[in-house]
């Protein structure tokens, strides 16, 4: 039996959202048709990835996450997804892979960023200029920028001032999505919508929602006639494809 494992806690609601997307993208007529999924959410053990990438802490969250993945593997999981864009920066993701290899793990760890690039190429072949709405950690490390470039896309470059506002929409403790995931604030939503408007003015033809909390504030497929690409949904589809491909909903 293939069991899908989800590394929760990065952030906590993102793990639930990935599970929901797996269920939504599965062909099922009754309970028993759904796929086996295990979530392990231990947020207090995982250092904030953005703080690490910005140099505000020396503790790489990769070590805690790799231990959680090994626990999921011991629980029977065969394929794993991490619903966090920032965790896929090379400074973190490469260490996770090295730790799993050192432990002799046989788990299949799906790279969400790679899957997003493949998804765009397959479903939106007409798109070339792509913007990324993300936290500053993801932005500064070029998690998406480098891979979009390598795949032949033209990633949009935006100002540091705009990036600072977008980051606040996620992290600000007074109004950010992380503080109000169940009911994102109007201020956070407005900042993100204004960000998309700015991207459109810069020529963006598609926008990647490059933080797994952002879809809570922008639960749309299109905004201002621009497709919004949800990495959590894409990762959910990829986990199904890599475990039970015959169960994957083919239409978006």
C-alpha atoms as a PDB file:
ATOM      1  CA  UNK A   1       0.000   0.000   0.000  1.00  0.00           C
ATOM      2  CA  UNK A   2       1.161   3.497  -0.843  1.00  0.00           C
ATOM      3  CA  UNK A   3       0.600   5.975   1.993  1.00  0.00           C
ATOM      4  CA  UNK A   4       0.963   9.711   1.379  1.00  0.00           C
ATOM      5  CA  UNK A   5       2.810  11.554   4.127  1.00  0.00           C
ATOM      6  CA  UNK A   6       2.452  15.268   4.858  1.00  0.00           C
ATOM      7  CA  UNK A   7       4.970  17.274   6.859  1.00  0.00           C
ATOM      8  CA  UNK A   8       2.686  19.597   8.806  1.00  0.00           C
ATOM      9  CA  UNK A   9       3.534  22.565  10.966  1.00  0.00           C
ATOM     10  CA  UNK A  10       5.037  24.715   8.177  1.00  0.00           C
ATOM     11  CA  UNK A  11       2.556  26.318   8.743  1.00  0.00           C
ATOM     12  CA  UNK A  12       0.027  24.192  10.597  1.00  0.00           C
ATOM     13  CA  UNK A  13      -2.925  25.154   8.395  1.00  0.00           C
ATOM     14  CA  UNK A  14      -0.904  24.435   5.254  1.00  0.00           C
ATOM     15  CA  UNK A  15      -0.744  20.745   6.190  1.00  0.00           C
ATOM     16  CA  UNK A  16      -4.516  20.626   6.498  1.00  0.00           C
ATOM     17  CA  UNK A  17      -4.879  22.485   3.220  1.00  0.00           C
ATOM     18  CA  UNK A  18      -2.646  19.973   1.430  1.00  0.00           C
ATOM     19  CA  UNK A  19      -4.760  17.104   2.763  1.00  0.00           C
ATOM     20  CA  UNK A  20      -7.911  18.898   1.586  1.00  0.00           C
ATOM     21  CA  UNK A  21      -6.405  19.347  -1.867  1.00  0.00           C
ATOM     22  CA  UNK A  22      -5.489  15.665  -2.023  1.00  0.00           C
ATOM     23  CA  UNK A  23      -9.089  14.761  -1.229  1.00  0.00           C
ATOM     24  CA  UNK A  24     -10.426  17.301  -3.743  1.00  0.00           C
ATOM     25  CA  UNK A  25      -8.197  16.027  -6.537  1.00  0.00           C
ATOM     26  CA  UNK A  26      -9.005  12.338  -5.956  1.00  0.00           C
ATOM     27  CA  UNK A  27     -11.587  10.433  -7.964  1.00  0.00           C
ATOM     28  CA  UNK A  28     -13.847   9.058  -5.232  1.00  0.00           C
ATOM     29  CA  UNK A  29     -17.495   8.060  -4.943  1.00  0.00           C
ATOM     30  CA  UNK A  30     -17.416   6.978  -1.288  1.00  0.00           C
ATOM     31  CA  UNK A  31     -15.202   7.180   1.793  1.00  0.00           C
ATOM     32  CA  UNK A  32     -13.341   4.007   0.916  1.00  0.00           C
ATOM     33  CA  UNK A  33     -12.260   5.430  -2.462  1.00  0.00           C
ATOM     34  CA  UNK A  34     -10.113   8.122  -0.831  1.00  0.00           C
ATOM     35  CA  UNK A  35      -6.377   7.678  -0.425  1.00  0.00           C
ATOM     36  CA  UNK A  36      -4.463   6.899   2.780  1.00  0.00           C
ATOM     37  CA  UNK A  37      -2.885  10.087   4.149  1.00  0.00           C
ATOM     38  CA  UNK A  38      -0.844  10.702   7.300  1.00  0.00           C
ATOM     39  CA  UNK A  39      -0.072  14.198   8.637  1.00  0.00           C
ATOM     40  CA  UNK A  40       2.571  14.835  11.254  1.00  0.00           C
ATOM     41  CA  UNK A  41       2.445  18.397  12.572  1.00  0.00           C
ATOM     42  CA  UNK A  42       5.027  19.358  15.218  1.00  0.00           C
ATOM     43  CA  UNK A  43       5.509  23.099  14.620  1.00  0.00           C
ATOM     44  CA  UNK A  44       7.313  23.793  17.892  1.00  0.00           C
ATOM     45  CA  UNK A  45      10.208  21.582  16.757  1.00  0.00           C
ATOM     46  CA  UNK A  46      10.741  23.399  13.443  1.00  0.00           C
ATOM     47  CA  UNK A  47      12.666  26.670  13.362  1.00  0.00           C
ATOM     48  CA  UNK A  48      11.078  29.367  11.193  1.00  0.00           C
ATOM     49  CA  UNK A  49      12.477  28.877   7.694  1.00  0.00           C
ATOM     50  CA  UNK A  50      12.304  32.544   6.699  1.00  0.00           C
ATOM     51  CA  UNK A  51      14.176  33.593   9.847  1.00  0.00           C
ATOM     52  CA  UNK A  52      16.896  31.064   8.983  1.00  0.00           C
ATOM     53  CA  UNK A  53      17.214  32.216   5.379  1.00  0.00           C
ATOM     54  CA  UNK A  54      17.396  35.870   6.445  1.00  0.00           C
ATOM     55  CA  UNK A  55      20.200  35.054   8.870  1.00  0.00           C
ATOM     56  CA  UNK A  56      18.205  35.775  12.024  1.00  0.00           C
ATOM     57  CA  UNK A  57      18.818  32.249  13.365  1.00  0.00           C
ATOM     58  CA  UNK A  58      21.542  29.681  12.696  1.00  0.00           C
ATOM     59  CA  UNK A  59      19.255  26.677  13.226  1.00  0.00           C
ATOM     60  CA  UNK A  60      18.462  25.072   9.879  1.00  0.00           C
ATOM     61  CA  UNK A  61      14.883  23.704   9.994  1.00  0.00           C
ATOM     62  CA  UNK A  62      15.999  20.974   7.602  1.00  0.00           C
ATOM     63  CA  UNK A  63      17.207  18.787  10.469  1.00  0.00           C
ATOM     64  CA  UNK A  64      13.882  18.810  12.314  1.00  0.00           C
ATOM     65  CA  UNK A  65      11.928  18.239   9.094  1.00  0.00           C
ATOM     66  CA  UNK A  66      14.140  15.334   8.026  1.00  0.00           C
ATOM     67  CA  UNK A  67      13.474  13.655  11.403  1.00  0.00           C
ATOM     68  CA  UNK A  68       9.726  14.103  10.902  1.00  0.00           C
ATOM     69  CA  UNK A  69       9.978  12.599   7.417  1.00  0.00           C
ATOM     70  CA  UNK A  70      11.796   9.577   8.839  1.00  0.00           C
ATOM     71  CA  UNK A  71       9.038   9.202  11.457  1.00  0.00           C
ATOM     72  CA  UNK A  72       6.446   9.303   8.677  1.00  0.00           C
ATOM     73  CA  UNK A  73       8.404   6.663   6.788  1.00  0.00           C
ATOM     74  CA  UNK A  74       8.523   4.473   9.911  1.00  0.00           C
ATOM     75  CA  UNK A  75       4.734   4.891  10.104  1.00  0.00           C
ATOM     76  CA  UNK A  76       4.443   3.376   6.618  1.00  0.00           C
ATOM     77  CA  UNK A  77       4.472   6.451   4.355  1.00  0.00           C
ATOM     78  CA  UNK A  78       6.030   5.961   0.946  1.00  0.00           C
ATOM     79  CA  UNK A  79       5.733   9.390  -0.672  1.00  0.00           C
ATOM     80  CA  UNK A  80       6.081  12.744   1.102  1.00  0.00           C
ATOM     81  CA  UNK A  81       5.097  16.356   0.475  1.00  0.00           C
ATOM     82  CA  UNK A  82       6.173  19.463   2.377  1.00  0.00           C
ATOM     83  CA  UNK A  83       3.512  22.175   1.949  1.00  0.00           C
ATOM     84  CA  UNK A  84       5.889  25.113   2.305  1.00  0.00           C
ATOM     85  CA  UNK A  85       7.535  26.954  -0.576  1.00  0.00           C
ATOM     86  CA  UNK A  86      10.360  28.397   1.536  1.00  0.00           C
ATOM     87  CA  UNK A  87      11.375  24.938   2.789  1.00  0.00           C
ATOM     88  CA  UNK A  88      12.301  24.155  -0.817  1.00  0.00           C
ATOM     89  CA  UNK A  89      15.126  26.691  -0.948  1.00  0.00           C
ATOM     90  CA  UNK A  90      18.390  24.884  -1.714  1.00  0.00           C
ATOM     91  CA  UNK A  91      19.844  25.891   1.671  1.00  0.00           C
ATOM     92  CA  UNK A  92      17.134  23.829   3.353  1.00  0.00           C
ATOM     93  CA  UNK A  93      15.851  21.252   0.856  1.00  0.00           C
ATOM     94  CA  UNK A  94      19.323  19.982  -0.097  1.00  0.00           C
ATOM     95  CA  UNK A  95      20.111  19.368   3.577  1.00  0.00           C
ATOM     96  CA  UNK A  96      16.848  17.446   4.022  1.00  0.00           C
ATOM     97  CA  UNK A  97      17.765  15.214   1.076  1.00  0.00           C
ATOM     98  CA  UNK A  98      21.274  14.676   2.453  1.00  0.00           C
ATOM     99  CA  UNK A  99      19.919  13.744   5.889  1.00  0.00           C
ATOM    100  CA  UNK A 100      17.448  11.262   4.382  1.00  0.00           C
ATOM    101  CA  UNK A 101      20.191   9.689   2.284  1.00  0.00           C
ATOM    102  CA  UNK A 102      22.457   9.431   5.330  1.00  0.00           C
ATOM    103  CA  UNK A 103      19.663   7.594   7.182  1.00  0.00           C
ATOM    104  CA  UNK A 104      19.159   5.151   4.288  1.00  0.00           C
ATOM    105  CA  UNK A 105      15.628   6.396   3.640  1.00  0.00           C
ATOM    106  CA  UNK A 106      13.696   4.988   0.679  1.00  0.00           C
ATOM    107  CA  UNK A 107      11.038   7.693   0.820  1.00  0.00           C
ATOM    108  CA  UNK A 108      10.068   9.608  -2.328  1.00  0.00           C
ATOM    109  CA  UNK A 109      10.207  13.289  -1.428  1.00  0.00           C
ATOM    110  CA  UNK A 110       8.339  15.396  -3.981  1.00  0.00           C
ATOM    111  CA  UNK A 111       9.811  18.811  -4.808  1.00  0.00           C
ATOM    112  CA  UNK A 112       6.900  21.242  -4.879  1.00  0.00           C
ATOM    113  CA  UNK A 113       8.764  23.907  -6.869  1.00  0.00           C
ATOM    114  CA  UNK A 114       9.654  21.456  -9.654  1.00  0.00           C
ATOM    115  CA  UNK A 115       6.054  20.275  -9.779  1.00  0.00           C
ATOM    116  CA  UNK A 116       4.749  23.838 -10.110  1.00  0.00           C
ATOM    117  CA  UNK A 117       7.061  24.468 -13.083  1.00  0.00           C
ATOM    118  CA  UNK A 118       5.893  21.244 -14.756  1.00  0.00           C
ATOM    119  CA  UNK A 119       2.260  22.136 -14.068  1.00  0.00           C
ATOM    120  CA  UNK A 120       2.558  25.560 -15.706  1.00  0.00           C
ATOM    121  CA  UNK A 121       4.327  24.074 -18.725  1.00  0.00           C
ATOM    122  CA  UNK A 122       1.577  21.502 -19.178  1.00  0.00           C
ATOM    123  CA  UNK A 123      -1.597  23.455 -18.382  1.00  0.00           C
ATOM    124  CA  UNK A 124      -0.559  27.012 -19.302  1.00  0.00           C
ATOM    125  CA  UNK A 125       1.876  26.664 -22.232  1.00  0.00           C
ATOM    126  CA  UNK A 126       0.886  30.131 -23.473  1.00  0.00           C
ATOM    127  CA  UNK A 127       2.217  31.850 -20.337  1.00  0.00           C
ATOM    128  CA  UNK A 128       5.749  33.254 -20.302  1.00  0.00           C
ATOM    129  CA  UNK A 129       5.926  36.163 -17.831  1.00  0.00           C
ATOM    130  CA  UNK A 130       5.303  34.872 -14.316  1.00  0.00           C
ATOM    131  CA  UNK A 131       5.283  36.699 -10.976  1.00  0.00           C
ATOM    132  CA  UNK A 132       5.659  35.129  -7.549  1.00  0.00           C
ATOM    133  CA  UNK A 133       3.707  36.325  -4.508  1.00  0.00           C
ATOM    134  CA  UNK A 134       5.813  35.094  -1.606  1.00  0.00           C
ATOM    135  CA  UNK A 135       7.538  35.741   1.694  1.00  0.00           C
ATOM    136  CA  UNK A 136      10.907  37.501   1.651  1.00  0.00           C
ATOM    137  CA  UNK A 137      12.766  34.263   2.404  1.00  0.00           C
ATOM    138  CA  UNK A 138      11.425  32.649  -0.753  1.00  0.00           C
ATOM    139  CA  UNK A 139      11.961  35.868  -2.708  1.00  0.00           C
ATOM    140  CA  UNK A 140      15.572  36.505  -1.679  1.00  0.00           C
ATOM    141  CA  UNK A 141      16.764  32.939  -2.230  1.00  0.00           C
ATOM    142  CA  UNK A 142      15.262  32.824  -5.725  1.00  0.00           C
ATOM    143  CA  UNK A 143      13.463  29.555  -5.034  1.00  0.00           C
ATOM    144  CA  UNK A 144      11.167  30.084  -8.008  1.00  0.00           C
ATOM    145  CA  UNK A 145      13.148  32.650 -10.000  1.00  0.00           C
ATOM    146  CA  UNK A 146      16.069  30.351 -10.794  1.00  0.00           C
ATOM    147  CA  UNK A 147      13.942  27.385 -11.801  1.00  0.00           C
ATOM    148  CA  UNK A 148      11.558  29.506 -13.862  1.00  0.00           C
ATOM    149  CA  UNK A 149      14.556  30.945 -15.705  1.00  0.00           C
ATOM    150  CA  UNK A 150      16.032  27.494 -16.286  1.00  0.00           C
ATOM    151  CA  UNK A 151      12.696  26.291 -17.693  1.00  0.00           C
ATOM    152  CA  UNK A 152      12.566  29.147 -20.204  1.00  0.00           C
ATOM    153  CA  UNK A 153      10.086  31.411 -18.420  1.00  0.00           C
ATOM    154  CA  UNK A 154      10.493  35.143 -17.840  1.00  0.00           C
ATOM    155  CA  UNK A 155      10.053  35.726 -14.070  1.00  0.00           C
ATOM    156  CA  UNK A 156       8.924  39.208 -13.079  1.00  0.00           C
ATOM    157  CA  UNK A 157      11.284  41.243 -10.893  1.00  0.00           C
ATOM    158  CA  UNK A 158       9.585  43.614  -8.444  1.00  0.00           C
ATOM    159  CA  UNK A 159      10.763  46.230  -5.959  1.00  0.00           C
ATOM    160  CA  UNK A 160      12.003  45.612  -2.419  1.00  0.00           C
ATOM    161  CA  UNK A 161       9.313  47.976  -1.142  1.00  0.00           C
ATOM    162  CA  UNK A 162       6.546  45.896  -2.691  1.00  0.00           C
ATOM    163  CA  UNK A 163       8.161  42.717  -1.366  1.00  0.00           C
ATOM    164  CA  UNK A 164       8.247  44.131   2.154  1.00  0.00           C
ATOM    165  CA  UNK A 165       4.513  44.830   2.035  1.00  0.00           C
ATOM    166  CA  UNK A 166       3.727  41.339   0.712  1.00  0.00           C
ATOM    167  CA  UNK A 167       5.833  39.778   3.478  1.00  0.00           C
ATOM    168  CA  UNK A 168       3.901  41.769   6.104  1.00  0.00           C
ATOM    169  CA  UNK A 169       0.618  40.439   4.688  1.00  0.00           C
ATOM    170  CA  UNK A 170       1.798  36.985   5.711  1.00  0.00           C
ATOM    171  CA  UNK A 171       3.898  37.524   8.844  1.00  0.00           C
ATOM    172  CA  UNK A 172       2.653  40.670  10.590  1.00  0.00           C
ATOM    173  CA  UNK A 173       1.358  39.623  14.012  1.00  0.00           C
ATOM    174  CA  UNK A 174      -1.341  42.317  13.973  1.00  0.00           C
ATOM    175  CA  UNK A 175      -2.972  41.550  10.625  1.00  0.00           C
ATOM    176  CA  UNK A 176      -0.920  38.887   8.786  1.00  0.00           C
ATOM    177  CA  UNK A 177      -2.365  35.631   7.478  1.00  0.00           C
ATOM    178  CA  UNK A 178      -0.311  33.516   9.870  1.00  0.00           C
ATOM    179  CA  UNK A 179      -2.008  35.266  12.782  1.00  0.00           C
ATOM    180  CA  UNK A 180      -5.475  34.978  11.209  1.00  0.00           C
ATOM    181  CA  UNK A 181      -5.411  31.879   8.977  1.00  0.00           C
ATOM    182  CA  UNK A 182      -9.030  30.996   9.789  1.00  0.00           C
ATOM    183  CA  UNK A 183     -10.239  34.433   8.742  1.00  0.00           C
ATOM    184  CA  UNK A 184      -7.571  36.497   6.906  1.00  0.00           C
ATOM    185  CA  UNK A 185      -7.791  40.219   7.581  1.00  0.00           C
ATOM    186  CA  UNK A 186      -9.053  42.702   5.004  1.00  0.00           C
ATOM    187  CA  UNK A 187      -5.736  44.548   5.230  1.00  0.00           C
ATOM    188  CA  UNK A 188      -3.724  41.427   4.335  1.00  0.00           C
ATOM    189  CA  UNK A 189      -6.055  40.670   1.442  1.00  0.00           C
ATOM    190  CA  UNK A 190      -5.795  44.221   0.106  1.00  0.00           C
ATOM    191  CA  UNK A 191      -1.998  44.135   0.194  1.00  0.00           C
ATOM    192  CA  UNK A 192      -1.952  40.892  -1.782  1.00  0.00           C
ATOM    193  CA  UNK A 193      -4.498  42.124  -4.322  1.00  0.00           C
ATOM    194  CA  UNK A 194      -2.501  45.334  -4.774  1.00  0.00           C
ATOM    195  CA  UNK A 195       0.589  43.206  -5.262  1.00  0.00           C
ATOM    196  CA  UNK A 196      -1.111  41.332  -8.085  1.00  0.00           C
ATOM    197  CA  UNK A 197      -2.136  44.668  -9.628  1.00  0.00           C
ATOM    198  CA  UNK A 198       1.500  45.754  -9.557  1.00  0.00           C
ATOM    199  CA  UNK A 199       2.569  42.466 -11.129  1.00  0.00           C
ATOM    200  CA  UNK A 200       0.019  42.941 -13.894  1.00  0.00           C
ATOM    201  CA  UNK A 201       1.425  46.414 -14.621  1.00  0.00           C
ATOM    202  CA  UNK A 202       4.857  44.789 -14.920  1.00  0.00           C
ATOM    203  CA  UNK A 203       3.471  42.420 -17.551  1.00  0.00           C
ATOM    204  CA  UNK A 204       2.720  39.319 -15.506  1.00  0.00           C
ATOM    205  CA  UNK A 205       0.613  36.711 -17.329  1.00  0.00           C
ATOM    206  CA  UNK A 206       0.336  34.412 -14.315  1.00  0.00           C
ATOM    207  CA  UNK A 207       0.994  34.629 -10.569  1.00  0.00           C
ATOM    208  CA  UNK A 208       2.324  31.846  -8.368  1.00  0.00           C
ATOM    209  CA  UNK A 209       0.892  32.010  -4.844  1.00  0.00           C
ATOM    210  CA  UNK A 210       4.344  31.276  -3.453  1.00  0.00           C
ATOM    211  CA  UNK A 211       3.417  30.967   0.223  1.00  0.00           C
ATOM    212  CA  UNK A 212       1.083  28.200   1.336  1.00  0.00           C
ATOM    213  CA  UNK A 213      -0.887  30.598   3.552  1.00  0.00           C
ATOM    214  CA  UNK A 214      -1.733  32.994   0.717  1.00  0.00           C
ATOM    215  CA  UNK A 215      -4.504  30.831  -0.845  1.00  0.00           C
ATOM    216  CA  UNK A 216      -6.472  31.303   2.390  1.00  0.00           C
ATOM    217  CA  UNK A 217      -6.699  35.013   1.577  1.00  0.00           C
ATOM    218  CA  UNK A 218      -6.961  34.566  -2.209  1.00  0.00           C
ATOM    219  CA  UNK A 219      -9.010  31.393  -2.838  1.00  0.00           C
ATOM    220  CA  UNK A 220      -9.428  32.154  -6.535  1.00  0.00           C
ATOM    221  CA  UNK A 221      -8.324  30.554  -9.793  1.00  0.00           C
ATOM    222  CA  UNK A 222      -8.195  33.930 -11.536  1.00  0.00           C
ATOM    223  CA  UNK A 223      -7.873  37.510 -10.347  1.00  0.00           C
ATOM    224  CA  UNK A 224      -7.821  40.537 -12.641  1.00  0.00           C
ATOM    225  CA  UNK A 225      -7.960  38.060 -15.550  1.00  0.00           C
ATOM    226  CA  UNK A 226      -4.649  36.509 -14.446  1.00  0.00           C
ATOM    227  CA  UNK A 227      -4.431  32.819 -13.433  1.00  0.00           C
ATOM    228  CA  UNK A 228      -3.425  32.306  -9.806  1.00  0.00           C
ATOM    229  CA  UNK A 229      -1.294  29.179  -9.501  1.00  0.00           C
ATOM    230  CA  UNK A 230      -1.685  27.409  -6.152  1.00  0.00           C
ATOM    231  CA  UNK A 231       1.387  25.285  -5.275  1.00  0.00           C
ATOM    232  CA  UNK A 232      -0.511  23.438  -2.537  1.00  0.00           C
ATOM    233  CA  UNK A 233      -3.108  22.221  -5.026  1.00  0.00           C
ATOM    234  CA  UNK A 234      -0.352  21.311  -7.468  1.00  0.00           C
ATOM    235  CA  UNK A 235       1.578  19.407  -4.784  1.00  0.00           C
ATOM    236  CA  UNK A 236      -1.603  17.543  -3.837  1.00  0.00           C
ATOM    237  CA  UNK A 237      -2.090  16.474  -7.450  1.00  0.00           C
ATOM    238  CA  UNK A 238       1.557  15.414  -7.694  1.00  0.00           C
ATOM    239  CA  UNK A 239       1.354  13.272  -4.567  1.00  0.00           C
ATOM    240  CA  UNK A 240      -1.648  11.470  -6.043  1.00  0.00           C
ATOM    241  CA  UNK A 241       0.146  11.037  -9.376  1.00  0.00           C
ATOM    242  CA  UNK A 242       3.202   9.547  -7.657  1.00  0.00           C
ATOM    243  CA  UNK A 243       1.158   7.096  -5.583  1.00  0.00           C
ATOM    244  CA  UNK A 244      -2.193   6.337  -7.251  1.00  0.00           C
ATOM    245  CA  UNK A 245      -2.112   7.971 -10.724  1.00  0.00           C
ATOM    246  CA  UNK A 246      -5.352   6.293 -11.769  1.00  0.00           C
ATOM    247  CA  UNK A 247      -7.151   8.187  -8.977  1.00  0.00           C
ATOM    248  CA  UNK A 248      -6.088  11.668 -10.098  1.00  0.00           C
ATOM    249  CA  UNK A 249      -8.830  14.011 -11.319  1.00  0.00           C
ATOM    250  CA  UNK A 250      -7.735  14.923 -14.842  1.00  0.00           C
ATOM    251  CA  UNK A 251      -9.664  18.173 -15.240  1.00  0.00           C
ATOM    252  CA  UNK A 252      -8.822  21.309 -13.272  1.00  0.00           C
END
